[in-house]
C-alpha atoms as a PDB file:
ATOM      1  CA  MET A   1     -34.604 -51.184 -55.863  1.00  0.00           C
ATOM      2  CA  ARG A   2     -34.907 -51.268 -59.634  1.00  0.00           C
ATOM      3  CA  ILE A   3     -36.688 -48.632 -61.700  1.00  0.00           C
ATOM      4  CA  LYS A   4     -37.499 -49.509 -65.291  1.00  0.00           C
ATOM      5  CA  LEU A   5     -40.306 -47.795 -67.133  1.00  0.00           C
ATOM      6  CA  LYS A   6     -41.877 -47.434 -70.526  1.00  0.00           C
ATOM      7  CA  THR A   7     -41.544 -43.748 -71.302  1.00  0.00           C
ATOM      8  CA  GLY A   8     -43.731 -43.168 -74.337  1.00  0.00           C
ATOM      9  CA  GLY A   9     -44.923 -39.556 -74.370  1.00  0.00           C
ATOM     10  CA  ALA A  10     -43.216 -38.661 -71.109  1.00  0.00           C
ATOM     11  CA  VAL A  11     -41.683 -35.472 -72.466  1.00  0.00           C
ATOM     12  CA  ALA A  12     -44.847 -34.173 -74.072  1.00  0.00           C
ATOM     13  CA  GLY A  13     -46.561 -31.040 -72.775  1.00  0.00           C
ATOM     14  CA  LEU A  14     -43.634 -29.450 -70.898  1.00  0.00           C
ATOM     15  CA  SER A  15     -43.875 -25.714 -70.388  1.00  0.00           C
ATOM     16  CA  ILE A  16     -40.827 -23.769 -71.572  1.00  0.00           C
ATOM     17  CA  ALA A  17     -42.137 -20.728 -69.698  1.00  0.00           C
ATOM     18  CA  ALA A  18     -42.315 -22.728 -66.479  1.00  0.00           C
ATOM     19  CA  LEU A  19     -38.773 -24.014 -66.953  1.00  0.00           C
ATOM     20  CA  ALA A  20     -37.548 -20.470 -67.517  1.00  0.00           C
ATOM     21  CA  ALA A  21     -39.320 -19.270 -64.384  1.00  0.00           C
ATOM     22  CA  ALA A  22     -37.575 -21.982 -62.388  1.00  0.00           C
ATOM     23  CA  ALA A  23     -34.234 -20.342 -63.126  1.00  0.00           C
ATOM     24  CA  LEU A  24     -35.186 -16.938 -61.711  1.00  0.00           C
ATOM     25  CA  PRO A  25     -33.595 -15.859 -58.411  1.00  0.00           C
ATOM     26  CA  GLY A  26     -35.875 -16.042 -55.370  1.00  0.00           C
ATOM     27  CA  ALA A  27     -36.352 -14.108 -52.157  1.00  0.00           C
ATOM     28  CA  ALA A  28     -35.444 -15.255 -48.651  1.00  0.00           C
ATOM     29  CA  ALA A  29     -37.735 -17.877 -47.179  1.00  0.00           C
ATOM     30  CA  ILE A  30     -40.492 -16.800 -44.794  1.00  0.00           C
ATOM     31  CA  ALA A  31     -41.502 -19.127 -41.967  1.00  0.00           C
ATOM     32  CA  ALA A  32     -45.106 -20.366 -41.991  1.00  0.00           C
ATOM     33  CA  PRO A  33     -47.155 -22.570 -39.669  1.00  0.00           C
ATOM     34  CA  ALA A  34     -48.192 -25.952 -41.039  1.00  0.00           C
ATOM     35  CA  SER A  35     -51.777 -24.789 -41.565  1.00  0.00           C
ATOM     36  CA  ARG A  36     -50.573 -22.038 -43.911  1.00  0.00           C
ATOM     37  CA  LEU A  37     -48.108 -24.033 -45.987  1.00  0.00           C
ATOM     38  CA  PRO A  38     -48.876 -24.066 -49.712  1.00  0.00           C
ATOM     39  CA  ALA A  39     -50.107 -27.494 -50.804  1.00  0.00           C
ATOM     40  CA  ILE A  40     -49.147 -29.818 -53.624  1.00  0.00           C
ATOM     41  CA  THR A  41     -51.828 -32.398 -54.383  1.00  0.00           C
ATOM     42  CA  ILE A  42     -51.059 -35.912 -55.585  1.00  0.00           C
ATOM     43  CA  ALA A  43     -53.839 -38.277 -56.676  1.00  0.00           C
ATOM     44  CA  MET A  44     -53.188 -42.012 -57.202  1.00  0.00           C
ATOM     45  CA  ASN A  45     -55.502 -44.855 -58.201  1.00  0.00           C
ATOM     46  CA  GLY A  46     -53.053 -47.652 -58.975  1.00  0.00           C
ATOM     47  CA  ASN A  47     -53.031 -46.912 -62.702  1.00  0.00           C
ATOM     48  CA  LYS A  48     -52.422 -43.182 -62.805  1.00  0.00           C
ATOM     49  CA  ILE A  49     -50.767 -40.436 -60.775  1.00  0.00           C
ATOM     50  CA  THR A  50     -51.520 -36.721 -61.158  1.00  0.00           C
ATOM     51  CA  VAL A  51     -49.883 -33.698 -59.539  1.00  0.00           C
ATOM     52  CA  GLY A  52     -51.507 -30.305 -58.931  1.00  0.00           C
ATOM     53  CA  GLY A  53     -51.820 -27.500 -56.424  1.00  0.00           C
ATOM     54  CA  THR A  54     -49.232 -24.815 -55.728  1.00  0.00           C
ATOM     55  CA  LEU A  55     -46.169 -25.944 -57.660  1.00  0.00           C
ATOM     56  CA  GLN A  56     -43.675 -23.446 -56.234  1.00  0.00           C
ATOM     57  CA  SER A  57     -40.366 -23.809 -54.429  1.00  0.00           C
ATOM     58  CA  GLY A  58     -39.984 -23.731 -50.676  1.00  0.00           C
ATOM     59  CA  GLY A  59     -41.791 -25.435 -47.841  1.00  0.00           C
ATOM     60  CA  THR A  60     -44.902 -27.281 -48.915  1.00  0.00           C
ATOM     61  CA  ARG A  61     -47.501 -29.724 -47.661  1.00  0.00           C
ATOM     62  CA  ILE A  62     -47.753 -32.696 -50.003  1.00  0.00           C
ATOM     63  CA  VAL A  63     -51.309 -34.025 -49.788  1.00  0.00           C
ATOM     64  CA  SER A  64     -51.836 -37.501 -51.232  1.00  0.00           C
ATOM     65  CA  THR A  65     -55.248 -38.942 -52.102  1.00  0.00           C
ATOM     66  CA  VAL A  66     -55.372 -42.672 -52.806  1.00  0.00           C
ATOM     67  CA  THR A  67     -58.320 -44.434 -54.459  1.00  0.00           C
ATOM     68  CA  GLY A  68     -58.549 -47.743 -56.275  1.00  0.00           C
ATOM     69  CA  GLU A  69     -55.618 -49.344 -54.412  1.00  0.00           C
ATOM     70  CA  PRO A  70     -55.013 -50.213 -50.738  1.00  0.00           C
ATOM     71  CA  ALA A  71     -52.167 -47.692 -50.448  1.00  0.00           C
ATOM     72  CA  GLY A  72     -49.992 -45.480 -52.612  1.00  0.00           C
ATOM     73  CA  ASP A  73     -46.339 -44.535 -52.363  1.00  0.00           C
ATOM     74  CA  PRO A  74     -45.596 -41.191 -53.996  1.00  0.00           C
ATOM     75  CA  MET A  75     -41.925 -40.724 -54.854  1.00  0.00           C
ATOM     76  CA  LEU A  76     -40.793 -37.328 -56.154  1.00  0.00           C
ATOM     77  CA  VAL A  77     -37.565 -37.244 -58.148  1.00  0.00           C
ATOM     78  CA  ARG A  78     -35.902 -33.935 -59.031  1.00  0.00           C
ATOM     79  CA  LEU A  79     -33.689 -33.847 -62.109  1.00  0.00           C
ATOM     80  CA  ASP A  80     -30.328 -32.128 -61.732  1.00  0.00           C
ATOM     81  CA  PRO A  81     -30.029 -28.785 -63.557  1.00  0.00           C
ATOM     82  CA  GLY A  82     -29.397 -29.331 -67.262  1.00  0.00           C
ATOM     83  CA  VAL A  83     -30.593 -32.956 -67.252  1.00  0.00           C
ATOM     84  CA  THR A  84     -33.434 -33.610 -69.668  1.00  0.00           C
ATOM     85  CA  LEU A  85     -36.346 -35.965 -69.164  1.00  0.00           C
ATOM     86  CA  ALA A  86     -35.042 -38.029 -72.077  1.00  0.00           C
ATOM     87  CA  GLN A  87     -31.662 -38.463 -70.355  1.00  0.00           C
ATOM     88  CA  PHE A  88     -33.335 -39.406 -67.080  1.00  0.00           C
ATOM     89  CA  PHE A  89     -35.601 -42.041 -68.612  1.00  0.00           C
ATOM     90  CA  ARG A  90     -32.712 -43.397 -70.671  1.00  0.00           C
ATOM     91  CA  LEU A  91     -30.886 -44.091 -67.393  1.00  0.00           C
ATOM     92  CA  LEU A  92     -33.957 -45.835 -65.963  1.00  0.00           C
ATOM     93  CA  SER A  93     -34.232 -48.114 -68.989  1.00  0.00           C
ATOM     94  CA  GLY A  94     -30.675 -49.412 -68.607  1.00  0.00           C
ATOM     95  CA  PRO A  95     -28.735 -51.576 -66.138  1.00  0.00           C
ATOM     96  CA  ALA A  96     -27.895 -48.542 -63.956  1.00  0.00           C
ATOM     97  CA  ALA A  97     -31.517 -48.531 -62.753  1.00  0.00           C
ATOM     98  CA  SER A  98     -30.816 -51.496 -60.463  1.00  0.00           C
ATOM     99  CA  ASP A  99     -29.318 -49.151 -57.850  1.00  0.00           C
ATOM    100  CA  PRO A 100     -30.875 -45.743 -56.988  1.00  0.00           C
ATOM    101  CA  ASN A 101     -27.398 -44.496 -56.052  1.00  0.00           C
ATOM    102  CA  ASN A 102     -26.723 -44.430 -59.797  1.00  0.00           C
ATOM    103  CA  LEU A 103     -29.034 -41.414 -59.971  1.00  0.00           C
ATOM    104  CA  THR A 104     -26.211 -39.290 -58.507  1.00  0.00           C
ATOM    105  CA  GLY A 105     -25.315 -36.577 -61.022  1.00  0.00           C
ATOM    106  CA  ILE A 106     -28.605 -37.123 -62.859  1.00  0.00           C
ATOM    107  CA  ALA A 107     -31.409 -36.765 -60.308  1.00  0.00           C
ATOM    108  CA  ALA A 108     -32.280 -37.051 -56.624  1.00  0.00           C
ATOM    109  CA  ILE A 109     -35.138 -38.711 -54.748  1.00  0.00           C
ATOM    110  CA  VAL A 110     -36.403 -35.805 -52.644  1.00  0.00           C
ATOM    111  CA  VAL A 111     -39.631 -37.288 -51.216  1.00  0.00           C
ATOM    112  CA  ASP A 112     -40.835 -40.853 -50.733  1.00  0.00           C
ATOM    113  CA  ALA A 113     -43.893 -41.111 -48.503  1.00  0.00           C
ATOM    114  CA  GLN A 114     -46.227 -43.958 -47.662  1.00  0.00           C
ATOM    115  CA  ALA A 115     -49.825 -42.919 -48.374  1.00  0.00           C
ATOM    116  CA  SER A 116     -52.707 -44.917 -46.944  1.00  0.00           C
ATOM    117  CA  HIS A 117     -56.035 -45.290 -48.740  1.00  0.00           C
ATOM    118  CA  GLY A 118     -57.806 -41.938 -48.420  1.00  0.00           C
ATOM    119  CA  THR A 119     -55.937 -38.723 -47.687  1.00  0.00           C
ATOM    120  CA  SER A 120     -52.601 -38.227 -45.944  1.00  0.00           C
ATOM    121  CA  SER A 121     -49.804 -35.665 -46.009  1.00  0.00           C
ATOM    122  CA  VAL A 122     -46.130 -34.990 -45.412  1.00  0.00           C
ATOM    123  CA  GLN A 123     -44.108 -31.796 -45.508  1.00  0.00           C
ATOM    124  CA  ALA A 124     -40.966 -31.085 -47.506  1.00  0.00           C
ATOM    125  CA  SER A 125     -38.950 -28.187 -48.844  1.00  0.00           C
ATOM    126  CA  LEU A 126     -38.690 -28.477 -52.626  1.00  0.00           C
ATOM    127  CA  PRO A 127     -36.192 -26.566 -54.748  1.00  0.00           C
ATOM    128  CA  ALA A 128     -37.222 -25.282 -58.157  1.00  0.00           C
ATOM    129  CA  GLY A 129     -36.685 -27.622 -61.075  1.00  0.00           C
ATOM    130  CA  GLN A 130     -37.998 -30.418 -63.252  1.00  0.00           C
ATOM    131  CA  TYR A 131     -39.561 -33.343 -61.377  1.00  0.00           C
ATOM    132  CA  VAL A 132     -41.096 -36.736 -62.029  1.00  0.00           C
ATOM    133  CA  ALA A 133     -43.670 -38.225 -59.647  1.00  0.00           C
ATOM    134  CA  PHE A 134     -44.020 -42.006 -59.371  1.00  0.00           C
ATOM    135  CA  ASP A 135     -46.474 -44.187 -57.484  1.00  0.00           C
ATOM    136  CA  THR A 136     -44.117 -46.950 -56.322  1.00  0.00           C
ATOM    137  CA  ALA A 137     -46.676 -48.949 -54.329  1.00  0.00           C
ATOM    138  CA  HIS A 138     -46.495 -51.982 -56.627  1.00  0.00           C
ATOM    139  CA  ARG A 139     -43.553 -54.391 -56.711  1.00  0.00           C
ATOM    140  CA  ASN A 140     -42.919 -54.202 -60.460  1.00  0.00           C
ATOM    141  CA  PRO A 141     -41.231 -50.886 -61.319  1.00  0.00           C
ATOM    142  CA  ALA A 142     -42.144 -51.343 -64.980  1.00  0.00           C
ATOM    143  CA  THR A 143     -45.779 -50.720 -64.035  1.00  0.00           C
ATOM    144  CA  TRP A 144     -45.252 -47.683 -61.782  1.00  0.00           C
ATOM    145  CA  PRO A 145     -47.519 -44.809 -62.895  1.00  0.00           C
ATOM    146  CA  PHE A 146     -45.585 -41.568 -63.353  1.00  0.00           C
ATOM    147  CA  THR A 147     -45.987 -37.972 -64.471  1.00  0.00           C
ATOM    148  CA  PRO A 148     -43.515 -35.106 -65.054  1.00  0.00           C
ATOM    149  CA  PHE A 149     -44.120 -31.699 -63.448  1.00  0.00           C
ATOM    150  CA  VAL A 150     -42.233 -28.472 -62.802  1.00  0.00           C
ATOM    151  CA  ILE A 151     -41.656 -26.620 -59.527  1.00  0.00           C
ATOM    152  CA  THR A 152     -41.184 -22.914 -60.287  1.00  0.00           C
ATOM    153  CA  ARG A 153     -39.197 -20.545 -58.087  1.00  0.00           C
ATOM    154  CA  ALA A 154     -41.473 -18.768 -55.598  1.00  0.00           C
ATOM    155  CA  ALA A 155     -41.106 -15.003 -55.193  1.00  0.00           C
ATOM    156  CA  SER A 156     -41.492 -15.434 -51.410  1.00  0.00           C
ATOM    157  CA  PRO A 157     -40.824 -19.075 -50.493  1.00  0.00           C
ATOM    158  CA  VAL A 158     -41.876 -20.263 -47.050  1.00  0.00           C
ATOM    159  CA  ARG A 159     -39.913 -22.303 -44.548  1.00  0.00           C
ATOM    160  CA  LEU A 160     -41.210 -25.476 -43.026  1.00  0.00           C
ATOM    161  CA  PRO A 161     -42.307 -25.326 -39.395  1.00  0.00           C
ATOM    162  CA  ALA A 162     -39.581 -26.529 -37.039  1.00  0.00           C
ATOM    163  CA  PRO A 163     -39.999 -30.197 -36.093  1.00  0.00           C
ATOM    164  CA  LYS A 164     -40.011 -31.367 -32.491  1.00  0.00           C
ATOM    165  CA  ALA A 165     -37.390 -34.005 -33.332  1.00  0.00           C
ATOM    166  CA  THR A 166     -35.190 -35.158 -36.219  1.00  0.00           C
ATOM    167  CA  ILE A 167     -34.179 -38.703 -37.068  1.00  0.00           C
ATOM    168  CA  ALA A 168     -31.309 -38.772 -39.554  1.00  0.00           C
ATOM    169  CA  ALA A 169     -29.887 -41.667 -41.538  1.00  0.00           C
ATOM    170  CA  ILE A 170     -26.117 -41.708 -41.987  1.00  0.00           C
ATOM    171  CA  ASP A 171     -23.611 -44.156 -43.467  1.00  0.00           C
ATOM    172  CA  PHE A 172     -24.323 -46.474 -41.575  1.00  0.00           C
ATOM    173  CA  GLY A 173     -26.658 -45.772 -38.666  1.00  0.00           C
ATOM    174  CA  PHE A 174     -29.285 -43.428 -37.277  1.00  0.00           C
ATOM    175  CA  ARG A 175     -28.890 -40.225 -35.293  1.00  0.00           C
ATOM    176  CA  GLY A 176     -31.504 -38.471 -33.207  1.00  0.00           C
ATOM    177  CA  PRO A 177     -33.415 -38.912 -29.972  1.00  0.00           C
ATOM    178  CA  GLY A 178     -34.171 -42.360 -28.650  1.00  0.00           C
ATOM    179  CA  ARG A 179     -37.691 -41.269 -27.720  1.00  0.00           C
ATOM    180  CA  LEU A 180     -40.394 -39.802 -29.945  1.00  0.00           C
ATOM    181  CA  HIS A 181     -43.882 -38.681 -28.974  1.00  0.00           C
ATOM    182  CA  ASP A 182     -47.045 -39.917 -30.657  1.00  0.00           C
ATOM    183  CA  GLY A 183     -48.651 -36.889 -32.339  1.00  0.00           C
ATOM    184  CA  GLU A 184     -45.507 -34.758 -32.733  1.00  0.00           C
ATOM    185  CA  LEU A 185     -43.953 -33.377 -35.900  1.00  0.00           C
ATOM    186  CA  VAL A 186     -40.787 -35.343 -36.733  1.00  0.00           C
ATOM    187  CA  ARG A 187     -38.315 -34.757 -39.559  1.00  0.00           C
ATOM    188  CA  PHE A 188     -36.766 -37.787 -41.263  1.00  0.00           C
ATOM    189  CA  ALA A 189     -33.595 -36.908 -43.158  1.00  0.00           C
ATOM    190  CA  ASN A 190     -30.852 -38.604 -45.143  1.00  0.00           C
ATOM    191  CA  ARG A 191     -27.513 -37.139 -44.111  1.00  0.00           C
ATOM    192  CA  GLY A 192     -25.528 -40.004 -45.570  1.00  0.00           C
ATOM    193  CA  PHE A 193     -23.903 -40.035 -48.967  1.00  0.00           C
ATOM    194  CA  LEU A 194     -25.809 -43.135 -50.075  1.00  0.00           C
ATOM    195  CA  VAL A 195     -29.554 -43.540 -50.601  1.00  0.00           C
ATOM    196  CA  HIS A 196     -31.263 -44.557 -47.335  1.00  0.00           C
ATOM    197  CA  MET A 197     -34.776 -45.347 -46.096  1.00  0.00           C
ATOM    198  CA  ILE A 198     -36.195 -45.035 -42.568  1.00  0.00           C
ATOM    199  CA  VAL A 199     -38.710 -47.759 -41.747  1.00  0.00           C
ATOM    200  CA  ALA A 200     -39.651 -49.285 -38.409  1.00  0.00           C
ATOM    201  CA  ALA A 201     -40.826 -52.561 -36.899  1.00  0.00           C
ATOM    202  CA  GLU A 202     -43.040 -52.510 -33.820  1.00  0.00           C
ATOM    203  CA  ALA A 203     -42.118 -54.918 -31.010  1.00  0.00           C
ATOM    204  CA  PRO A 204     -44.382 -56.172 -28.203  1.00  0.00           C
ATOM    205  CA  ASP A 205     -41.806 -55.146 -25.581  1.00  0.00           C
ATOM    206  CA  ALA A 206     -38.318 -53.704 -25.165  1.00  0.00           C
ATOM    207  CA  ALA A 207     -36.591 -57.083 -24.906  1.00  0.00           C
ATOM    208  CA  THR A 208     -38.140 -58.262 -28.163  1.00  0.00           C
ATOM    209  CA  ALA A 209     -37.174 -54.984 -29.838  1.00  0.00           C
ATOM    210  CA  ARG A 210     -33.541 -55.602 -28.916  1.00  0.00           C
ATOM    211  CA  ARG A 211     -33.810 -59.135 -30.262  1.00  0.00           C
ATOM    212  CA  ILE A 212     -35.300 -57.870 -33.536  1.00  0.00           C
ATOM    213  CA  ALA A 213     -32.386 -55.443 -33.879  1.00  0.00           C
ATOM    214  CA  ARG A 214     -29.858 -58.257 -33.300  1.00  0.00           C
ATOM    215  CA  LEU A 215     -31.559 -60.466 -35.878  1.00  0.00           C
ATOM    216  CA  LEU A 216     -31.568 -57.670 -38.458  1.00  0.00           C
ATOM    217  CA  HIS A 217     -27.882 -57.021 -37.801  1.00  0.00           C
ATOM    218  CA  ALA A 218     -27.246 -60.741 -38.397  1.00  0.00           C
ATOM    219  CA  GLY A 219     -29.129 -60.634 -41.701  1.00  0.00           C
ATOM    220  CA  ARG A 220     -31.989 -62.786 -40.410  1.00  0.00           C
ATOM    221  CA  ASP A 221     -34.837 -60.629 -41.730  1.00  0.00           C
ATOM    222  CA  SER A 222     -37.499 -63.342 -41.782  1.00  0.00           C
ATOM    223  CA  ALA A 223     -36.912 -64.244 -38.138  1.00  0.00           C
ATOM    224  CA  ALA A 224     -37.017 -60.561 -37.184  1.00  0.00           C
ATOM    225  CA  GLN A 225     -40.251 -60.044 -39.097  1.00  0.00           C
ATOM    226  CA  ARG A 226     -41.949 -62.909 -37.283  1.00  0.00           C
ATOM    227  CA  LEU A 227     -41.306 -61.175 -33.950  1.00  0.00           C
ATOM    228  CA  ALA A 228     -42.721 -57.813 -35.063  1.00  0.00           C
ATOM    229  CA  ILE A 229     -46.358 -56.891 -34.409  1.00  0.00           C
ATOM    230  CA  GLY A 230     -46.515 -53.897 -36.755  1.00  0.00           C
ATOM    231  CA  PHE A 231     -44.591 -51.888 -39.310  1.00  0.00           C
ATOM    232  CA  ALA A 232     -44.279 -48.241 -40.341  1.00  0.00           C
ATOM    233  CA  THR A 233     -42.572 -46.333 -43.144  1.00  0.00           C
ATOM    234  CA  PHE A 234     -41.364 -42.897 -42.104  1.00  0.00           C
ATOM    235  CA  ALA A 235     -39.404 -42.314 -45.321  1.00  0.00           C
ATOM    236  CA  GLY A 236     -38.871 -44.477 -48.366  1.00  0.00           C
ATOM    237  CA  PRO A 237     -35.581 -44.252 -50.260  1.00  0.00           C
ATOM    238  CA  LEU A 238     -34.203 -40.701 -50.101  1.00  0.00           C
ATOM    239  CA  SER A 239     -31.105 -39.305 -51.781  1.00  0.00           C
ATOM    240  CA  HIS A 240     -28.319 -37.490 -49.939  1.00  0.00           C
ATOM    241  CA  GLY A 241     -29.549 -34.230 -48.388  1.00  0.00           C
ATOM    242  CA  SER A 242     -33.260 -34.990 -48.767  1.00  0.00           C
ATOM    243  CA  ALA A 243     -35.751 -34.831 -45.894  1.00  0.00           C
ATOM    244  CA  GLN A 244     -39.462 -34.972 -45.199  1.00  0.00           C
ATOM    245  CA  GLN A 245     -41.447 -34.445 -42.026  1.00  0.00           C
ATOM    246  CA  LEU A 246     -44.803 -35.599 -40.743  1.00  0.00           C
ATOM    247  CA  VAL A 247     -46.888 -35.821 -37.614  1.00  0.00           C
ATOM    248  CA  ILE A 248     -46.329 -39.380 -36.437  1.00  0.00           C
ATOM    249  CA  HIS A 249     -49.275 -41.448 -35.273  1.00  0.00           C
ATOM    250  CA  ASN A 250     -47.757 -44.660 -33.990  1.00  0.00           C
ATOM    251  CA  ARG A 251     -48.685 -46.837 -31.058  1.00  0.00           C
ATOM    252  CA  PRO A 252     -46.557 -46.059 -27.985  1.00  0.00           C
ATOM    253  CA  GLY A 253     -44.013 -48.757 -27.250  1.00  0.00           C
ATOM    254  CA  SER A 254     -40.722 -50.142 -28.544  1.00  0.00           C
ATOM    255  CA  TRP A 255     -39.850 -49.791 -32.241  1.00  0.00           C
ATOM    256  CA  VAL A 256     -36.808 -50.745 -34.311  1.00  0.00           C
ATOM    257  CA  LEU A 257     -35.638 -48.338 -37.014  1.00  0.00           C
ATOM    258  CA  ALA A 258     -34.065 -49.961 -40.067  1.00  0.00           C
ATOM    259  CA  CYS A 259     -32.741 -49.289 -43.553  1.00  0.00           C
ATOM    260  CA  PHE A 260     -33.064 -52.170 -46.023  1.00  0.00           C
ATOM    261  CA  MET A 261     -31.203 -50.601 -48.933  1.00  0.00           C
ATOM    262  CA  ASN A 262     -28.377 -52.705 -50.377  1.00  0.00           C
ATOM    263  CA  THR A 263     -24.691 -51.979 -50.838  1.00  0.00           C
ATOM    264  CA  GLN A 264     -23.062 -52.627 -54.191  1.00  0.00           C
ATOM    265  CA  ASP A 265     -21.931 -56.048 -52.941  1.00  0.00           C
ATOM    266  CA  GLY A 266     -25.525 -56.968 -51.987  1.00  0.00           C
ATOM    267  CA  ARG A 267     -25.411 -56.485 -48.206  1.00  0.00           C
ATOM    268  CA  GLU A 268     -28.391 -54.835 -46.556  1.00  0.00           C
ATOM    269  CA  HIS A 269     -27.592 -51.683 -44.622  1.00  0.00           C
ATOM    270  CA  THR A 270     -29.044 -53.332 -41.511  1.00  0.00           C
ATOM    271  CA  VAL A 271     -26.046 -55.675 -41.293  1.00  0.00           C
ATOM    272  CA  LEU A 272     -23.771 -52.623 -41.359  1.00  0.00           C
ATOM    273  CA  GLY A 273     -25.443 -51.038 -38.331  1.00  0.00           C
ATOM    274  CA  MET A 274     -28.602 -49.426 -39.651  1.00  0.00           C
ATOM    275  CA  GLU A 275     -30.926 -50.798 -36.989  1.00  0.00           C
ATOM    276  CA  ARG A 276     -31.786 -48.948 -33.789  1.00  0.00           C
ATOM    277  CA  VAL A 277     -34.276 -49.420 -30.971  1.00  0.00           C
ATOM    278  CA  ILE A 278     -36.340 -46.353 -30.029  1.00  0.00           C
ATOM    279  CA  ARG A 279     -39.352 -45.676 -27.828  1.00  0.00           C
ATOM    280  CA  ILE A 280     -42.541 -43.939 -28.899  1.00  0.00           C
ATOM    281  CA  VAL A 281     -44.414 -42.456 -25.937  1.00  0.00           C
ATOM    282  CA  ARG A 282     -47.585 -40.450 -25.447  1.00  0.00           C
END
């Protein structure tokens, strides 16, 4: 994954007061049901991305609205404390942008969610700080729309509702239940040290799912793709410690989880063991 952007005017309009508020100590988090989570709104049209709503730390519902393109892919990147927007964009304009693991010590990808045309949402717990939102739906990173924004520290942050299940990426594999339920709240987390994604291929039956997993492990992606009858993205690339959760709506049957990030020597994580057959049931 390569990120390279033209950054003209990216640092304009930042609020010093908002940045100062982000450094204030906060109170203990208070649990809230999903219906009462504060909401961050993200609007994408293929050429522009805007961020609004309740921009405060803690558990939040991130509501994406997509118009003008078949689907969006909002990615939220949080800059490490003390890192300026100029430093961040300078990294993205250089050779280090070819690998998102090079963001370590500069920034972290905290949310990356597929957003279908219309309205969709995920949940995440966001710390206070300086962020940049990208719409990464298009293949050419140089054309990704982006916008900076600030998450201030909430006086009474809320906790996310507890998920029914958690699927975690590690170096190199997946942990969590082998069975998920259509319609349940599932957390997708990166507990590895490297950047990982959690995507899935739908198989027509259990035997084909096992075959897809073997093909992915052998590096035969095209052959595996030809056997799949559907695909899903539960989490795009996430940095170490990041997580997002959503109510899954996937057809019951056999699915194969996978991470297609690359190692420094060019091997996909699937060939290192990041493929796993699971069942989705009613």
